[in-house]
Protein backbone atom coordinates (compact mmCIF):
# COMPACT_ATOMS: atom_id res chain seq x y z
CA MET A 1 -19.49 26.70 3.98
CA MET A 2 -17.56 25.28 0.61
CA LYS A 3 -19.57 25.28 -2.80
CA SER A 4 -19.57 21.89 -4.17
CA ARG A 5 -17.88 23.13 -7.34
CA ASP A 6 -14.71 24.23 -4.60
CA LEU A 7 -15.16 20.66 -2.84
CA SER A 8 -15.10 18.73 -5.71
CA THR A 9 -11.92 20.91 -6.46
CA ALA A 10 -10.21 20.54 -3.41
CA VAL A 11 -11.15 16.37 -3.43
CA ILE A 12 -9.74 15.88 -7.15
CA PHE A 13 -6.96 18.09 -7.10
CA PRO A 14 -5.00 15.73 -4.44
CA ALA A 15 -5.71 12.77 -5.62
CA ILE A 16 -4.86 13.47 -9.52
CA LEU A 17 -1.26 14.82 -8.58
CA ALA A 18 -0.37 12.06 -6.56
CA ASP A 19 -1.31 9.71 -9.17
CA PHE A 20 0.47 11.73 -11.26
CA LEU A 21 3.57 11.62 -9.65
CA ALA A 22 3.16 8.53 -9.09
CA ILE A 23 3.17 7.64 -12.75
CA MET A 24 5.74 9.66 -13.41
CA ALA A 25 7.70 8.08 -10.83
CA LEU A 26 7.41 4.46 -12.48
CA PHE A 27 9.19 5.85 -15.22
CA THR A 28 11.94 7.40 -13.19
CA VAL A 29 12.26 6.08 -9.91
CA PHE A 30 10.89 2.18 -10.22
CA PRO A 31 14.74 1.93 -12.17
CA ILE A 32 16.25 3.21 -9.53
CA LEU A 33 14.82 0.97 -6.67
CA VAL A 34 14.53 -2.11 -8.79
CA GLU A 35 18.60 -2.65 -8.89
CA ARG A 36 18.37 -1.52 -5.15
CA PHE A 37 16.03 -4.35 -4.20
CA SER A 38 17.65 -6.59 -6.65
CA GLU A 39 19.70 -7.57 -3.79
CA PRO A 40 18.47 -8.24 -0.46
CA THR A 41 20.36 -6.71 2.56
CA GLY A 42 19.13 -5.30 5.61
CA MET A 43 18.89 -2.04 4.57
CA ASN A 44 16.50 -2.63 1.91
CA ALA A 45 14.28 -4.32 4.66
CA LEU A 46 14.67 -1.01 6.92
CA ILE A 47 13.59 0.70 3.76
CA LEU A 48 10.42 -1.28 3.22
CA SER A 49 9.72 -0.92 7.29
CA LEU A 50 9.49 2.74 6.99
CA GLY A 51 7.76 3.08 4.09
CA PHE A 52 5.24 0.26 5.83
CA LEU A 53 5.29 2.92 8.83
CA ILE A 54 4.21 5.89 6.88
CA PHE A 55 1.79 4.07 4.83
CA CYS A 56 -0.13 3.36 8.28
CA VAL A 57 -0.19 6.97 9.25
CA ALA A 58 -1.41 7.91 6.08
CA VAL A 59 -3.79 5.39 6.12
CA TYR A 60 -5.24 6.47 9.42
CA TRP A 61 -5.28 9.83 8.43
CA LEU A 62 -7.53 9.33 5.82
CA ARG A 63 -10.05 7.39 7.86
CA ARG A 64 -9.87 10.28 10.43
CA LEU A 65 -11.81 12.18 6.98
CA ILE A 66 -15.35 13.10 8.19
CA PRO A 67 -17.49 12.04 5.28
CA VAL A 68 -18.77 14.68 2.77
CA PRO A 69 -22.72 14.60 2.17
CA GLY A 70 -23.53 11.65 0.69
CA GLY A 71 -20.01 9.79 1.29
CA LYS A 72 -19.61 6.64 3.16
CA ASP A 73 -18.47 6.52 6.89
CA GLU A 74 -17.14 2.88 6.01
CA TRP A 75 -17.26 1.71 2.89
CA LEU A 76 -16.85 -2.46 4.02
CA PRO A 77 -17.10 -3.78 7.04
CA ARG A 78 -14.93 -4.92 9.65
CA GLY A 79 -14.61 -8.40 8.88
CA TRP A 80 -13.67 -7.85 5.49
CA ARG A 81 -11.70 -5.15 6.13
CA THR A 82 -9.58 -7.16 8.41
CA VAL A 83 -9.30 -9.84 5.97
CA LEU A 84 -7.52 -7.40 3.86
CA ALA A 85 -5.41 -6.13 6.28
CA VAL A 86 -4.10 -9.54 6.85
CA PHE A 87 -3.97 -10.26 3.24
CA PHE A 88 -1.65 -7.06 3.35
CA ALA A 89 -0.05 -7.86 5.98
CA LEU A 90 1.27 -11.02 5.16
CA THR A 91 2.33 -9.73 1.80
CA MET A 92 4.63 -7.04 3.78
CA SER A 93 5.86 -9.82 6.07
CA LEU A 94 6.82 -11.56 2.94
CA ALA A 95 8.72 -8.62 1.09
CA ILE A 96 10.77 -7.95 4.72
CA ALA A 97 11.68 -11.71 4.97
CA TRP A 98 13.08 -11.95 1.31
CA GLN A 99 14.70 -8.73 1.64
CA LEU A 100 16.44 -10.06 4.95
CA GLY A 101 17.60 -13.18 2.88
CA PHE A 102 15.23 -15.55 4.53
CA PHE A 103 13.96 -18.04 1.60
CA GLU A 104 17.70 -17.71 -0.06
CA SER A 105 19.08 -19.08 2.93
CA GLY A 106 16.41 -21.30 4.96
CA PRO A 107 16.72 -23.96 2.64
CA VAL A 108 20.76 -24.40 3.28
CA VAL A 109 20.84 -23.37 6.96
CA ASP A 110 21.99 -26.63 9.36
CA THR A 111 19.69 -27.04 12.27
CA ARG A 112 22.39 -29.24 13.69
CA GLU A 113 24.43 -26.30 13.90
CA LEU A 114 21.68 -24.01 15.25
CA GLY A 115 20.40 -26.29 18.09
CA GLU A 116 16.91 -26.67 19.29
CA GLY A 117 16.57 -22.91 20.61
CA GLY A 118 18.06 -21.45 17.19
CA SER A 119 16.27 -23.44 14.73
CA ALA A 120 13.03 -21.91 16.81
CA VAL A 121 14.33 -18.94 16.96
CA TYR A 122 15.15 -18.41 13.04
CA PHE A 123 11.97 -20.54 11.51
CA VAL A 124 9.28 -19.26 14.32
CA PHE A 125 10.25 -16.08 16.11
CA ALA A 126 11.77 -14.21 13.21
CA PRO A 127 9.03 -14.93 11.10
CA GLY A 128 6.69 -14.40 13.98
CA ALA A 129 8.07 -10.99 14.48
CA TRP A 130 8.31 -9.80 10.64
CA LEU A 131 4.56 -10.92 10.72
CA GLY A 132 3.68 -9.22 14.04
CA PHE A 133 4.68 -5.96 13.13
CA ALA A 134 2.90 -6.02 9.76
CA LEU A 135 -0.38 -6.61 11.61
CA ILE A 136 -0.21 -3.07 12.47
CA TYR A 137 -1.93 -2.57 9.77
CA VAL A 138 -5.03 -4.58 10.99
CA LEU A 139 -5.39 -1.59 13.66
CA VAL A 140 -5.70 0.98 11.48
CA LEU A 141 -7.63 -0.07 8.78
CA ALA A 142 -10.08 -2.39 10.66
CA PHE A 143 -10.51 -0.71 14.04
CA THR A 144 -12.62 2.06 15.02
CA VAL A 145 -11.38 5.68 14.34
CA THR A 146 -13.28 8.82 15.33
CA PRO A 147 -13.64 11.17 12.18
CA ARG A 148 -12.48 14.38 12.70
CA ILE A 149 -11.16 16.19 9.83
CA GLU A 150 -14.25 18.31 8.83
CA ALA A 151 -14.25 18.98 4.84
CA ALA A 152 -13.91 22.84 5.48
CA ASN A 153 -10.56 22.08 6.97
CA SER A 154 -8.44 24.44 5.20
CA ARG A 155 -5.63 21.65 5.34
CA ARG A 156 -7.63 18.70 3.99
CA GLY A 157 -6.08 19.02 0.89
CA VAL A 158 -2.67 19.10 2.02
CA GLY A 159 -3.10 15.73 3.96
CA ALA A 160 -4.89 14.17 1.55
CA PHE A 161 -2.23 15.06 -1.28
CA LEU A 162 0.10 13.19 1.26
CA SER A 163 -1.18 11.02 2.46
CA LEU A 164 -2.24 9.49 -1.27
CA LEU A 165 1.60 10.13 -2.21
CA ALA A 166 2.34 8.47 0.84
CA ILE A 167 0.29 5.27 -0.92
CA ASN A 168 1.51 5.60 -4.06
CA GLY A 169 4.95 5.67 -2.32
CA MET A 170 4.25 2.21 -0.46
CA PHE A 171 2.96 0.74 -4.01
CA LEU A 172 5.87 1.97 -5.62
CA LEU A 173 8.36 0.38 -3.43
CA LEU A 174 6.48 -3.11 -3.53
CA GLU A 175 6.00 -3.16 -6.94
CA SER A 176 10.12 -2.64 -7.30
CA GLN A 177 10.13 -5.69 -5.23
CA ALA A 178 7.85 -7.39 -7.04
CA TYR A 179 9.63 -6.88 -10.26
CA ASN A 180 12.85 -9.01 -8.98
CA LEU A 181 10.58 -11.81 -8.54
CA PHE A 182 8.39 -11.93 -11.56
CA ALA A 183 10.53 -9.92 -14.29
CA GLY A 184 10.94 -12.39 -17.04
CA ARG A 185 7.80 -14.42 -16.02
CA SER A 186 5.08 -15.94 -18.26
CA PHE A 187 2.69 -13.40 -18.87
CA PHE A 188 0.47 -15.30 -17.31
CA TRP A 189 1.33 -14.07 -14.32
CA LEU A 190 0.45 -10.51 -15.32
CA PRO A 191 -3.50 -10.34 -14.43
CA VAL A 192 -2.41 -11.60 -11.56
CA ALA A 193 0.43 -9.10 -10.16
CA PHE A 194 -2.62 -6.69 -11.20
CA VAL A 195 -5.23 -8.29 -8.75
CA TRP A 196 -2.85 -8.99 -6.45
CA PHE A 197 -1.71 -4.75 -6.08
CA LEU A 198 -5.31 -4.14 -6.42
CA GLY A 199 -6.33 -6.17 -3.18
CA LEU A 200 -3.13 -4.15 -1.94
CA PHE A 201 -4.19 -0.89 -2.56
CA LEU A 202 -7.31 -0.36 -3.63
CA PRO A 203 -8.93 -0.65 0.52
CA PRO A 204 -6.93 2.81 1.22
CA HIS A 205 -8.34 4.25 -2.05
CA LEU A 206 -11.51 3.71 -1.84
CA LEU A 207 -11.43 4.75 1.91
CA TYR A 208 -10.52 8.29 0.49
CA ILE A 209 -13.00 8.34 -2.66
CA THR A 210 -15.85 6.89 -0.53
CA ARG A 211 -14.90 9.65 2.46
CA THR A 212 -14.58 12.55 0.47
CA SER A 213 -17.42 11.74 -2.96
CA GLU A 214 -20.86 11.51 -3.24
CA GLN A 215 -21.64 7.79 -4.51
CA ALA A 216 -21.18 7.07 -8.07
CA SER A 217 -20.58 10.50 -8.88
CA PRO A 218 -18.82 11.55 -11.69
CA SER A 219 -15.61 12.44 -9.04
CA ALA A 220 -15.68 9.02 -7.43
CA TYR A 221 -15.38 7.52 -10.68
CA LEU A 222 -12.46 9.70 -11.68
CA LEU A 223 -10.69 8.95 -9.08
CA LEU A 224 -10.96 5.56 -9.01
CA GLY A 225 -10.20 5.37 -12.45
CA THR A 226 -6.99 7.39 -12.30
CA PHE A 227 -5.99 4.60 -9.57
CA LEU A 228 -6.26 2.00 -11.84
CA VAL A 229 -4.37 3.59 -14.26
CA VAL A 230 -1.77 3.87 -12.12
CA VAL A 231 -1.86 0.16 -10.85
CA ALA A 232 -1.97 -1.07 -14.71
CA ILE A 233 1.08 1.10 -15.49
CA GLY A 234 2.88 -0.91 -12.40
CA THR A 235 2.13 -3.93 -12.99
CA MET A 236 2.97 -3.99 -16.84
CA ARG A 237 6.48 -2.30 -16.05
CA ILE A 238 7.42 -5.28 -14.14
CA PHE A 239 6.49 -7.51 -17.19
CA ILE A 240 7.36 -5.54 -20.33
CA GLY A 241 9.92 -2.93 -18.74
């Protein structure tokens, strides 16, 4: 059985390292992604989609963690988890639609040339397909998952690090997308963007914290604090550069 000090280190180190790398990426990789996402392309939509699938796998892995003594199995009821998952899915589908040029081409599409069938495909079935794809996250976050990964598992720390790194990577992708939409706008949007990103990425981080830490413990506050720092820096990068 792992000692409490060893368990605390195994919990904190992967998260701190993943957040530290995220902060580094905000000053190194972020400008490259901003330039990449500046022009909508199908390749960018594919990158977002692949990042989203990896993100879903990461969150699913975290849900398979067996809570430590004093931790929680589910940090929110299923109804609230469903709402948060749908919120993420809507955001994801809008990001994909933007990269596919839907919002740019939609207002200028001639529905007379498309015809009734073409218009239905373009304005109904295509957006529905993007949303349906993004709703995979509801299955991952809201549905029941049986925890099977024990605290004493030697690979738990590595899996936690890779999962949190993937989640932070998805944050970086969507933040780069947001930069091309909100950069140069009024600072009124800064708190809005901050809360928006919290709604997207706080759930998986709270999932990790509540599964691996005792409630109201120093490690729980530390992990929450480092995550908030990552989101704050990322949001400021959008508006301040």
